[in-house]
Amino acid sequence: MSEHTPGASSGWLAIDAAEKPDDFIAYLDHVAAKFRKQRLDLLRKLHLPAGGIALDVGCGTGDMILDLLERVTPTVRAVGVDASEAMVTTARARAAERGVTAEFVVGDAEAMDFPNDFFDAVVCSRVLVHVKDPARAFCEIGRVLSSGGRAVVADFDWDSALVDADDLRTTGAVRAALTAGIAQPAIGRQLRRLAVAAGLRIDEFSGSVVELSHTLSEADEIAQLSARLHDAVESGAVTRAAADRWLAEMTAASGTDRFLFAAPSFVLCASKP
């Protein structure tokens, strides 16, 4: 997996060094449009009081904060932090275009430059999957959260990604190639444990299987599934003949109810004692 391909954690951690940072922005825009309902559901779980202040860790282009202020709780303050200057610049521009007052800053999820006990709520969605030390990032979330404040953290469990194909060996090799470039492919199942270790109290923990695409082309947009099949062949995990059969089956099923590409998604709600 190329380190500057959306999906590879090394790429997401070095967007500003990428040849085409706009590729990452376009990827986030595609995903944001697809999963807007889930994003709004997360925001409603924050239970923010009027006048409260919220933090979005790994804010990307600012979609979470824009939805928070425009559609969920307009009477709050909001701050977004992201490791990428390109993402923060885009978020600031989009907020200005829409007349939304919010603050976006460059920062590290594992060492945030905010005071202790500062935020009434923290949201972090599909970010810990890419960080080097998610336990440290969770501790930072707990540190900046005020007593009684709420954290809502969500992520996929890519190690359990589901592809419906007859050849389970090839499917497993594709999954292995997919997760090889992801820093924390099993982060979804680990969220509760990490929250407890960070001193947070679990309020809610739930999971569901989310269908990621209905066509092979969209699966490639989201996770470069065909490219991961190529990686599996190159590594010797599967033969070219097996890969060709697997791809033919997926191509024939694409766009029908015989096609499935999905992954478990976990949502954690926790509060600071």
C-alpha atoms as a PDB file:
ATOM      1  CA  MET A   1       0.000   0.000   0.000  1.00  0.00           C
ATOM      2  CA  SER A   2       1.483   3.350  -1.010  1.00  0.00           C
ATOM      3  CA  GLU A   3       2.190   5.495   2.049  1.00  0.00           C
ATOM      4  CA  HIS A   4       0.494   8.459   0.374  1.00  0.00           C
ATOM      5  CA  THR A   5      -2.714   6.639  -0.482  1.00  0.00           C
ATOM      6  CA  PRO A   6      -5.890   7.374   1.482  1.00  0.00           C
ATOM      7  CA  GLY A   7      -6.295   4.350   3.704  1.00  0.00           C
ATOM      8  CA  ALA A   8      -2.642   3.970   4.698  1.00  0.00           C
ATOM      9  CA  SER A   9      -2.008   5.362   8.176  1.00  0.00           C
ATOM     10  CA  SER A  10       1.444   6.623   7.215  1.00  0.00           C
ATOM     11  CA  GLY A  11      -0.205   8.772   4.560  1.00  0.00           C
ATOM     12  CA  TRP A  12      -2.828  10.204   6.911  1.00  0.00           C
ATOM     13  CA  LEU A  13      -0.093  11.112   9.381  1.00  0.00           C
ATOM     14  CA  ALA A  14       1.888  12.957   6.702  1.00  0.00           C
ATOM     15  CA  ILE A  15      -0.726  14.624   4.501  1.00  0.00           C
ATOM     16  CA  ASP A  16       1.229  17.868   4.211  1.00  0.00           C
ATOM     17  CA  ALA A  17       4.181  15.946   2.764  1.00  0.00           C
ATOM     18  CA  ALA A  18       2.034  14.152   0.195  1.00  0.00           C
ATOM     19  CA  GLU A  19       2.400  14.936  -3.500  1.00  0.00           C
ATOM     20  CA  LYS A  20      -1.365  15.550  -3.722  1.00  0.00           C
ATOM     21  CA  PRO A  21      -2.891  16.564  -0.380  1.00  0.00           C
ATOM     22  CA  ASP A  22      -6.124  17.303  -2.252  1.00  0.00           C
ATOM     23  CA  ASP A  23      -6.560  13.550  -2.760  1.00  0.00           C
ATOM     24  CA  PHE A  24      -7.039  13.169   0.990  1.00  0.00           C
ATOM     25  CA  ILE A  25      -9.490  16.070   1.088  1.00  0.00           C
ATOM     26  CA  ALA A  26     -11.490  14.543  -1.769  1.00  0.00           C
ATOM     27  CA  TYR A  27     -11.520  11.197   0.043  1.00  0.00           C
ATOM     28  CA  LEU A  28     -12.857  12.791   3.222  1.00  0.00           C
ATOM     29  CA  ASP A  29     -15.519  14.632   1.239  1.00  0.00           C
ATOM     30  CA  HIS A  30     -16.709  11.364  -0.296  1.00  0.00           C
ATOM     31  CA  VAL A  31     -16.839   9.603   3.070  1.00  0.00           C
ATOM     32  CA  ALA A  32     -18.454  12.616   4.784  1.00  0.00           C
ATOM     33  CA  ALA A  33     -21.302  12.625   2.286  1.00  0.00           C
ATOM     34  CA  LYS A  34     -21.803   8.873   2.632  1.00  0.00           C
ATOM     35  CA  PHE A  35     -21.838   8.769   6.434  1.00  0.00           C
ATOM     36  CA  ARG A  36     -23.517  12.039   7.356  1.00  0.00           C
ATOM     37  CA  LYS A  37     -26.338  10.368   9.294  1.00  0.00           C
ATOM     38  CA  GLN A  38     -23.844   8.471  11.445  1.00  0.00           C
ATOM     39  CA  ARG A  39     -21.960  11.719  12.056  1.00  0.00           C
ATOM     40  CA  LEU A  40     -25.101  13.491  13.247  1.00  0.00           C
ATOM     41  CA  ASP A  41     -25.933  10.555  15.508  1.00  0.00           C
ATOM     42  CA  LEU A  42     -22.502  10.871  17.139  1.00  0.00           C
ATOM     43  CA  LEU A  43     -22.932  14.596  17.676  1.00  0.00           C
ATOM     44  CA  ARG A  44     -26.275  14.129  19.397  1.00  0.00           C
ATOM     45  CA  LYS A  45     -24.602  11.756  21.853  1.00  0.00           C
ATOM     46  CA  LEU A  46     -22.363  14.575  23.104  1.00  0.00           C
ATOM     47  CA  HIS A  47     -25.253  16.019  25.157  1.00  0.00           C
ATOM     48  CA  LEU A  48     -23.661  19.461  25.014  1.00  0.00           C
ATOM     49  CA  PRO A  49     -25.228  22.157  27.201  1.00  0.00           C
ATOM     50  CA  ALA A  50     -25.927  25.596  25.770  1.00  0.00           C
ATOM     51  CA  GLY A  51     -22.778  27.657  25.973  1.00  0.00           C
ATOM     52  CA  GLY A  52     -20.591  24.574  26.309  1.00  0.00           C
ATOM     53  CA  ILE A  53     -17.373  24.044  24.390  1.00  0.00           C
ATOM     54  CA  ALA A  54     -16.637  21.000  22.249  1.00  0.00           C
ATOM     55  CA  LEU A  55     -13.471  19.576  20.725  1.00  0.00           C
ATOM     56  CA  ASP A  56     -13.203  17.489  17.564  1.00  0.00           C
ATOM     57  CA  VAL A  57      -9.973  15.471  17.619  1.00  0.00           C
ATOM     58  CA  GLY A  58      -8.779  14.836  14.072  1.00  0.00           C
ATOM     59  CA  CYS A  59     -11.220  17.325  12.593  1.00  0.00           C
ATOM     60  CA  GLY A  60     -10.114  16.939   8.967  1.00  0.00           C
ATOM     61  CA  THR A  61     -11.968  19.403   6.776  1.00  0.00           C
ATOM     62  CA  GLY A  62     -14.311  20.405   9.601  1.00  0.00           C
ATOM     63  CA  ASP A  63     -17.475  18.494   8.678  1.00  0.00           C
ATOM     64  CA  MET A  64     -18.133  17.351  12.236  1.00  0.00           C
ATOM     65  CA  ILE A  65     -17.943  20.852  13.680  1.00  0.00           C
ATOM     66  CA  LEU A  66     -19.927  22.417  10.850  1.00  0.00           C
ATOM     67  CA  ASP A  67     -22.714  19.892  11.383  1.00  0.00           C
ATOM     68  CA  LEU A  68     -22.559  20.425  15.143  1.00  0.00           C
ATOM     69  CA  LEU A  69     -23.004  24.188  14.849  1.00  0.00           C
ATOM     70  CA  GLU A  70     -25.439  24.213  11.928  1.00  0.00           C
ATOM     71  CA  ARG A  71     -27.644  21.210  12.616  1.00  0.00           C
ATOM     72  CA  VAL A  72     -27.306  19.961  16.197  1.00  0.00           C
ATOM     73  CA  THR A  73     -26.323  22.559  18.823  1.00  0.00           C
ATOM     74  CA  PRO A  74     -25.736  26.054  17.429  1.00  0.00           C
ATOM     75  CA  THR A  75     -25.437  27.632  20.888  1.00  0.00           C
ATOM     76  CA  VAL A  76     -22.027  26.117  21.709  1.00  0.00           C
ATOM     77  CA  ARG A  77     -18.381  26.874  20.992  1.00  0.00           C
ATOM     78  CA  ALA A  78     -16.343  24.418  18.958  1.00  0.00           C
ATOM     79  CA  VAL A  79     -12.664  23.745  18.343  1.00  0.00           C
ATOM     80  CA  GLY A  80     -11.145  21.336  15.848  1.00  0.00           C
ATOM     81  CA  VAL A  81      -7.592  20.018  15.967  1.00  0.00           C
ATOM     82  CA  ASP A  82      -5.819  18.149  13.172  1.00  0.00           C
ATOM     83  CA  ALA A  83      -2.219  17.180  12.445  1.00  0.00           C
ATOM     84  CA  SER A  84      -2.434  18.519   8.879  1.00  0.00           C
ATOM     85  CA  GLU A  85      -2.060  22.195   8.007  1.00  0.00           C
ATOM     86  CA  ALA A  86      -3.829  21.512   4.699  1.00  0.00           C
ATOM     87  CA  MET A  87      -6.854  20.080   6.518  1.00  0.00           C
ATOM     88  CA  VAL A  88      -6.984  22.943   9.014  1.00  0.00           C
ATOM     89  CA  THR A  89      -6.706  25.532   6.229  1.00  0.00           C
ATOM     90  CA  THR A  90      -9.565  23.849   4.368  1.00  0.00           C
ATOM     91  CA  ALA A  91     -11.708  23.663   7.516  1.00  0.00           C
ATOM     92  CA  ARG A  92     -11.170  27.359   8.237  1.00  0.00           C
ATOM     93  CA  ALA A  93     -12.074  28.317   4.673  1.00  0.00           C
ATOM     94  CA  ARG A  94     -15.235  26.205   4.649  1.00  0.00           C
ATOM     95  CA  ALA A  95     -16.387  27.606   7.983  1.00  0.00           C
ATOM     96  CA  ALA A  96     -15.820  31.149   6.727  1.00  0.00           C
ATOM     97  CA  GLU A  97     -17.733  30.441   3.515  1.00  0.00           C
ATOM     98  CA  ARG A  98     -20.725  29.236   5.527  1.00  0.00           C
ATOM     99  CA  GLY A  99     -20.571  31.974   8.123  1.00  0.00           C
ATOM    100  CA  VAL A 100     -19.806  29.540  10.937  1.00  0.00           C
ATOM    101  CA  THR A 101     -17.679  30.715  13.854  1.00  0.00           C
ATOM    102  CA  ALA A 102     -15.318  27.965  14.942  1.00  0.00           C
ATOM    103  CA  GLU A 103     -11.646  27.544  15.759  1.00  0.00           C
ATOM    104  CA  PHE A 104      -9.385  25.125  13.899  1.00  0.00           C
ATOM    105  CA  VAL A 105      -5.798  24.526  14.982  1.00  0.00           C
ATOM    106  CA  VAL A 106      -2.898  22.280  13.997  1.00  0.00           C
ATOM    107  CA  GLY A 107      -2.004  19.819  16.714  1.00  0.00           C
ATOM    108  CA  ASP A 108      -1.128  16.270  17.712  1.00  0.00           C
ATOM    109  CA  ALA A 109      -3.870  14.013  19.108  1.00  0.00           C
ATOM    110  CA  GLU A 110      -1.261  12.409  21.355  1.00  0.00           C
ATOM    111  CA  ALA A 111      -0.033  15.737  22.807  1.00  0.00           C
ATOM    112  CA  MET A 112      -2.722  18.409  22.489  1.00  0.00           C
ATOM    113  CA  ASP A 113      -1.940  21.995  23.384  1.00  0.00           C
ATOM    114  CA  PHE A 114      -5.077  22.591  25.473  1.00  0.00           C
ATOM    115  CA  PRO A 115      -5.454  23.120  29.239  1.00  0.00           C
ATOM    116  CA  ASN A 116      -6.615  20.378  31.558  1.00  0.00           C
ATOM    117  CA  ASP A 117     -10.381  20.096  32.139  1.00  0.00           C
ATOM    118  CA  PHE A 118     -11.153  22.566  29.347  1.00  0.00           C
ATOM    119  CA  PHE A 119     -13.842  20.982  27.151  1.00  0.00           C
ATOM    120  CA  ASP A 120     -17.393  19.977  28.013  1.00  0.00           C
ATOM    121  CA  ALA A 121     -17.389  17.350  25.262  1.00  0.00           C
ATOM    122  CA  VAL A 122     -14.875  15.669  22.959  1.00  0.00           C
ATOM    123  CA  VAL A 123     -15.647  13.787  19.770  1.00  0.00           C
ATOM    124  CA  CYS A 124     -13.151  11.643  17.880  1.00  0.00           C
ATOM    125  CA  SER A 125     -14.331   9.699  14.833  1.00  0.00           C
ATOM    126  CA  ARG A 126     -12.253   7.420  12.584  1.00  0.00           C
ATOM    127  CA  VAL A 127      -8.995   8.917  13.868  1.00  0.00           C
ATOM    128  CA  LEU A 128      -7.507   6.541  16.450  1.00  0.00           C
ATOM    129  CA  VAL A 129      -7.256   3.888  13.744  1.00  0.00           C
ATOM    130  CA  HIS A 130      -4.309   5.858  12.354  1.00  0.00           C
ATOM    131  CA  VAL A 131      -2.461   7.181  15.422  1.00  0.00           C
ATOM    132  CA  LYS A 132       0.752   5.593  16.662  1.00  0.00           C
ATOM    133  CA  ASP A 133      -0.291   5.378  20.321  1.00  0.00           C
ATOM    134  CA  PRO A 134      -4.084   5.304  20.798  1.00  0.00           C
ATOM    135  CA  ALA A 135      -3.725   4.789  24.579  1.00  0.00           C
ATOM    136  CA  ARG A 136      -1.858   8.073  24.825  1.00  0.00           C
ATOM    137  CA  ALA A 137      -4.434   9.811  22.633  1.00  0.00           C
ATOM    138  CA  PHE A 138      -7.205   8.509  24.898  1.00  0.00           C
ATOM    139  CA  CYS A 139      -5.372   9.869  27.932  1.00  0.00           C
ATOM    140  CA  GLU A 140      -5.178  13.249  26.208  1.00  0.00           C
ATOM    141  CA  ILE A 141      -8.928  13.150  25.553  1.00  0.00           C
ATOM    142  CA  GLY A 142      -9.467  12.436  29.236  1.00  0.00           C
ATOM    143  CA  ARG A 143      -7.059  15.172  30.305  1.00  0.00           C
ATOM    144  CA  VAL A 144      -8.699  17.997  28.329  1.00  0.00           C
ATOM    145  CA  LEU A 145     -12.237  16.848  29.201  1.00  0.00           C
ATOM    146  CA  SER A 146     -13.836  18.616  32.160  1.00  0.00           C
ATOM    147  CA  SER A 147     -15.231  16.716  35.129  1.00  0.00           C
ATOM    148  CA  GLY A 148     -18.655  15.439  34.133  1.00  0.00           C
ATOM    149  CA  GLY A 149     -17.866  16.040  30.475  1.00  0.00           C
ATOM    150  CA  ARG A 150     -18.543  13.452  27.791  1.00  0.00           C
ATOM    151  CA  ALA A 151     -16.343  11.843  25.162  1.00  0.00           C
ATOM    152  CA  VAL A 152     -17.794  10.157  22.087  1.00  0.00           C
ATOM    153  CA  VAL A 153     -15.291   8.037  20.162  1.00  0.00           C
ATOM    154  CA  ALA A 154     -16.080   5.947  17.086  1.00  0.00           C
ATOM    155  CA  ASP A 155     -14.061   3.769  14.763  1.00  0.00           C
ATOM    156  CA  PHE A 156     -14.204   0.803  12.436  1.00  0.00           C
ATOM    157  CA  ASP A 157     -12.601  -2.549  13.169  1.00  0.00           C
ATOM    158  CA  TRP A 158     -10.832  -3.177   9.867  1.00  0.00           C
ATOM    159  CA  ASP A 159      -9.341  -6.430  11.105  1.00  0.00           C
ATOM    160  CA  SER A 160     -12.906  -7.782  10.950  1.00  0.00           C
ATOM    161  CA  ALA A 161     -13.823  -6.314   7.559  1.00  0.00           C
ATOM    162  CA  LEU A 162     -16.320  -8.457   5.648  1.00  0.00           C
ATOM    163  CA  VAL A 163     -16.265  -9.328   1.968  1.00  0.00           C
ATOM    164  CA  ASP A 164     -18.731 -11.888   0.635  1.00  0.00           C
ATOM    165  CA  ALA A 165     -16.873 -14.168  -1.759  1.00  0.00           C
ATOM    166  CA  ASP A 166     -16.682 -17.928  -2.129  1.00  0.00           C
ATOM    167  CA  ASP A 167     -12.873 -18.082  -1.880  1.00  0.00           C
ATOM    168  CA  LEU A 168     -12.270 -17.394   1.822  1.00  0.00           C
ATOM    169  CA  ARG A 169      -8.503 -17.786   1.497  1.00  0.00           C
ATOM    170  CA  THR A 170      -8.254 -15.033  -1.082  1.00  0.00           C
ATOM    171  CA  THR A 171     -10.682 -12.892   0.893  1.00  0.00           C
ATOM    172  CA  GLY A 172      -8.491 -13.309   3.961  1.00  0.00           C
ATOM    173  CA  ALA A 173      -5.403 -12.334   1.967  1.00  0.00           C
ATOM    174  CA  VAL A 174      -7.139  -9.193   0.705  1.00  0.00           C
ATOM    175  CA  ARG A 175      -8.134  -8.287   4.262  1.00  0.00           C
ATOM    176  CA  ALA A 176      -4.564  -8.862   5.434  1.00  0.00           C
ATOM    177  CA  ALA A 177      -3.236  -6.603   2.677  1.00  0.00           C
ATOM    178  CA  LEU A 178      -5.810  -3.970   3.604  1.00  0.00           C
ATOM    179  CA  THR A 179      -4.895  -3.961   7.293  1.00  0.00           C
ATOM    180  CA  ALA A 180      -1.133  -4.078   6.635  1.00  0.00           C
ATOM    181  CA  GLY A 181      -1.084  -0.338   6.050  1.00  0.00           C
ATOM    182  CA  ILE A 182      -3.372   0.562   8.958  1.00  0.00           C
ATOM    183  CA  ALA A 183      -1.719   1.463  12.261  1.00  0.00           C
ATOM    184  CA  GLN A 184      -4.527   0.184  14.502  1.00  0.00           C
ATOM    185  CA  PRO A 185      -6.712  -2.202  12.452  1.00  0.00           C
ATOM    186  CA  ALA A 186      -8.452  -3.620  15.570  1.00  0.00           C
ATOM    187  CA  ILE A 187      -9.071  -0.273  17.292  1.00  0.00           C
ATOM    188  CA  GLY A 188     -12.869  -0.611  17.225  1.00  0.00           C
ATOM    189  CA  ARG A 189     -12.923  -3.538  19.649  1.00  0.00           C
ATOM    190  CA  GLN A 190     -10.333  -1.823  21.873  1.00  0.00           C
ATOM    191  CA  LEU A 191     -12.159   1.455  22.528  1.00  0.00           C
ATOM    192  CA  ARG A 192     -13.781   0.443  25.813  1.00  0.00           C
ATOM    193  CA  ARG A 193     -10.562  -0.960  27.262  1.00  0.00           C
ATOM    194  CA  LEU A 194      -8.602   2.155  26.309  1.00  0.00           C
ATOM    195  CA  ALA A 195     -11.243   4.455  27.787  1.00  0.00           C
ATOM    196  CA  VAL A 196     -11.177   2.604  31.111  1.00  0.00           C
ATOM    197  CA  ALA A 197      -7.357   2.761  31.173  1.00  0.00           C
ATOM    198  CA  ALA A 198      -7.590   6.530  30.620  1.00  0.00           C
ATOM    199  CA  GLY A 199      -9.770   6.884  33.710  1.00  0.00           C
ATOM    200  CA  LEU A 200     -13.080   7.450  31.940  1.00  0.00           C
ATOM    201  CA  ARG A 201     -16.412   5.951  32.996  1.00  0.00           C
ATOM    202  CA  ILE A 202     -18.238   3.988  30.305  1.00  0.00           C
ATOM    203  CA  ASP A 203     -21.749   5.279  29.633  1.00  0.00           C
ATOM    204  CA  GLU A 204     -22.471   3.366  26.444  1.00  0.00           C
ATOM    205  CA  PHE A 205     -20.638   0.993  24.120  1.00  0.00           C
ATOM    206  CA  SER A 206     -22.266  -0.398  21.010  1.00  0.00           C
ATOM    207  CA  GLY A 207     -21.361  -1.881  17.677  1.00  0.00           C
ATOM    208  CA  SER A 208     -22.989  -2.516  14.336  1.00  0.00           C
ATOM    209  CA  VAL A 209     -22.003  -3.815  10.939  1.00  0.00           C
ATOM    210  CA  VAL A 210     -21.908  -0.992   8.416  1.00  0.00           C
ATOM    211  CA  GLU A 211     -22.226  -1.711   4.705  1.00  0.00           C
ATOM    212  CA  LEU A 212     -19.466   0.370   3.154  1.00  0.00           C
ATOM    213  CA  SER A 213     -20.345   0.003  -0.488  1.00  0.00           C
ATOM    214  CA  HIS A 214     -22.719  -1.701  -2.898  1.00  0.00           C
ATOM    215  CA  THR A 215     -20.347  -1.721  -5.856  1.00  0.00           C
ATOM    216  CA  LEU A 216     -16.755  -2.728  -6.453  1.00  0.00           C
ATOM    217  CA  SER A 217     -15.889   0.726  -7.763  1.00  0.00           C
ATOM    218  CA  GLU A 218     -17.027   2.347  -4.522  1.00  0.00           C
ATOM    219  CA  ALA A 219     -15.179  -0.297  -2.492  1.00  0.00           C
ATOM    220  CA  ASP A 220     -12.091   0.740  -4.410  1.00  0.00           C
ATOM    221  CA  GLU A 221     -12.759   4.395  -3.625  1.00  0.00           C
ATOM    222  CA  ILE A 222     -13.084   3.651   0.084  1.00  0.00           C
ATOM    223  CA  ALA A 223     -10.467   0.957   0.607  1.00  0.00           C
ATOM    224  CA  GLN A 224      -8.703   0.292  -2.730  1.00  0.00           C
ATOM    225  CA  LEU A 225      -9.978  -3.287  -2.596  1.00  0.00           C
ATOM    226  CA  SER A 226      -8.741  -4.206  -6.086  1.00  0.00           C
ATOM    227  CA  ALA A 227      -5.334  -2.739  -5.312  1.00  0.00           C
ATOM    228  CA  ARG A 228      -5.146  -4.782  -2.116  1.00  0.00           C
ATOM    229  CA  LEU A 229      -5.914  -7.892  -4.185  1.00  0.00           C
ATOM    230  CA  HIS A 230      -2.927  -6.969  -6.364  1.00  0.00           C
ATOM    231  CA  ASP A 231      -0.796  -6.598  -3.214  1.00  0.00           C
ATOM    232  CA  ALA A 232      -1.848 -10.076  -2.105  1.00  0.00           C
ATOM    233  CA  VAL A 233      -0.691 -11.493  -5.428  1.00  0.00           C
ATOM    234  CA  GLU A 234       2.603  -9.591  -5.304  1.00  0.00           C
ATOM    235  CA  SER A 235       3.318 -10.886  -1.801  1.00  0.00           C
ATOM    236  CA  GLY A 236       2.650 -14.471  -2.877  1.00  0.00           C
ATOM    237  CA  ALA A 237      -0.309 -14.856  -0.530  1.00  0.00           C
ATOM    238  CA  VAL A 238      -2.568 -15.883  -3.435  1.00  0.00           C
ATOM    239  CA  THR A 239      -1.980 -16.980  -7.006  1.00  0.00           C
ATOM    240  CA  ARG A 240      -2.804 -14.804  -9.977  1.00  0.00           C
ATOM    241  CA  ALA A 241      -5.384 -17.378 -11.094  1.00  0.00           C
ATOM    242  CA  ALA A 242      -7.141 -17.288  -7.720  1.00  0.00           C
ATOM    243  CA  ALA A 243      -7.067 -13.502  -7.728  1.00  0.00           C
ATOM    244  CA  ASP A 244      -8.560 -13.375 -11.217  1.00  0.00           C
ATOM    245  CA  ARG A 245     -11.393 -15.680 -10.171  1.00  0.00           C
ATOM    246  CA  TRP A 246     -12.032 -13.643  -7.005  1.00  0.00           C
ATOM    247  CA  LEU A 247     -12.097 -10.368  -8.941  1.00  0.00           C
ATOM    248  CA  ALA A 248     -14.402 -11.844 -11.587  1.00  0.00           C
ATOM    249  CA  GLU A 249     -16.827 -12.958  -8.869  1.00  0.00           C
ATOM    250  CA  MET A 250     -16.770  -9.519  -7.212  1.00  0.00           C
ATOM    251  CA  THR A 251     -17.200  -7.755 -10.549  1.00  0.00           C
ATOM    252  CA  ALA A 252     -20.194  -9.904 -11.452  1.00  0.00           C
ATOM    253  CA  ALA A 253     -21.787  -9.274  -8.050  1.00  0.00           C
ATOM    254  CA  SER A 254     -21.103  -5.521  -8.071  1.00  0.00           C
ATOM    255  CA  GLY A 255     -24.248  -3.430  -7.899  1.00  0.00           C
ATOM    256  CA  THR A 256     -26.444  -6.382  -6.932  1.00  0.00           C
ATOM    257  CA  ASP A 257     -27.563  -7.838  -3.607  1.00  0.00           C
ATOM    258  CA  ARG A 258     -24.856 -10.484  -4.002  1.00  0.00           C
ATOM    259  CA  PHE A 259     -22.167  -7.862  -3.315  1.00  0.00           C
ATOM    260  CA  LEU A 260     -21.130  -7.097   0.262  1.00  0.00           C
ATOM    261  CA  PHE A 261     -18.259  -5.036   1.610  1.00  0.00           C
ATOM    262  CA  ALA A 262     -18.805  -4.104   5.245  1.00  0.00           C
ATOM    263  CA  ALA A 263     -17.027  -3.583   8.545  1.00  0.00           C
ATOM    264  CA  PRO A 264     -17.969  -3.543  12.232  1.00  0.00           C
ATOM    265  CA  SER A 265     -18.249  -0.019  13.606  1.00  0.00           C
ATOM    266  CA  PHE A 266     -18.039   0.705  17.341  1.00  0.00           C
ATOM    267  CA  VAL A 267     -19.236   3.768  19.244  1.00  0.00           C
ATOM    268  CA  LEU A 268     -18.087   4.571  22.760  1.00  0.00           C
ATOM    269  CA  CYS A 269     -19.669   7.180  25.030  1.00  0.00           C
ATOM    270  CA  ALA A 270     -17.748   7.837  28.237  1.00  0.00           C
ATOM    271  CA  SER A 271     -17.664  10.536  30.874  1.00  0.00           C
ATOM    272  CA  LYS A 272     -14.974  11.923  33.143  1.00  0.00           C
ATOM    273  CA  PRO A 273     -15.678  11.385  36.867  1.00  0.00           C
END
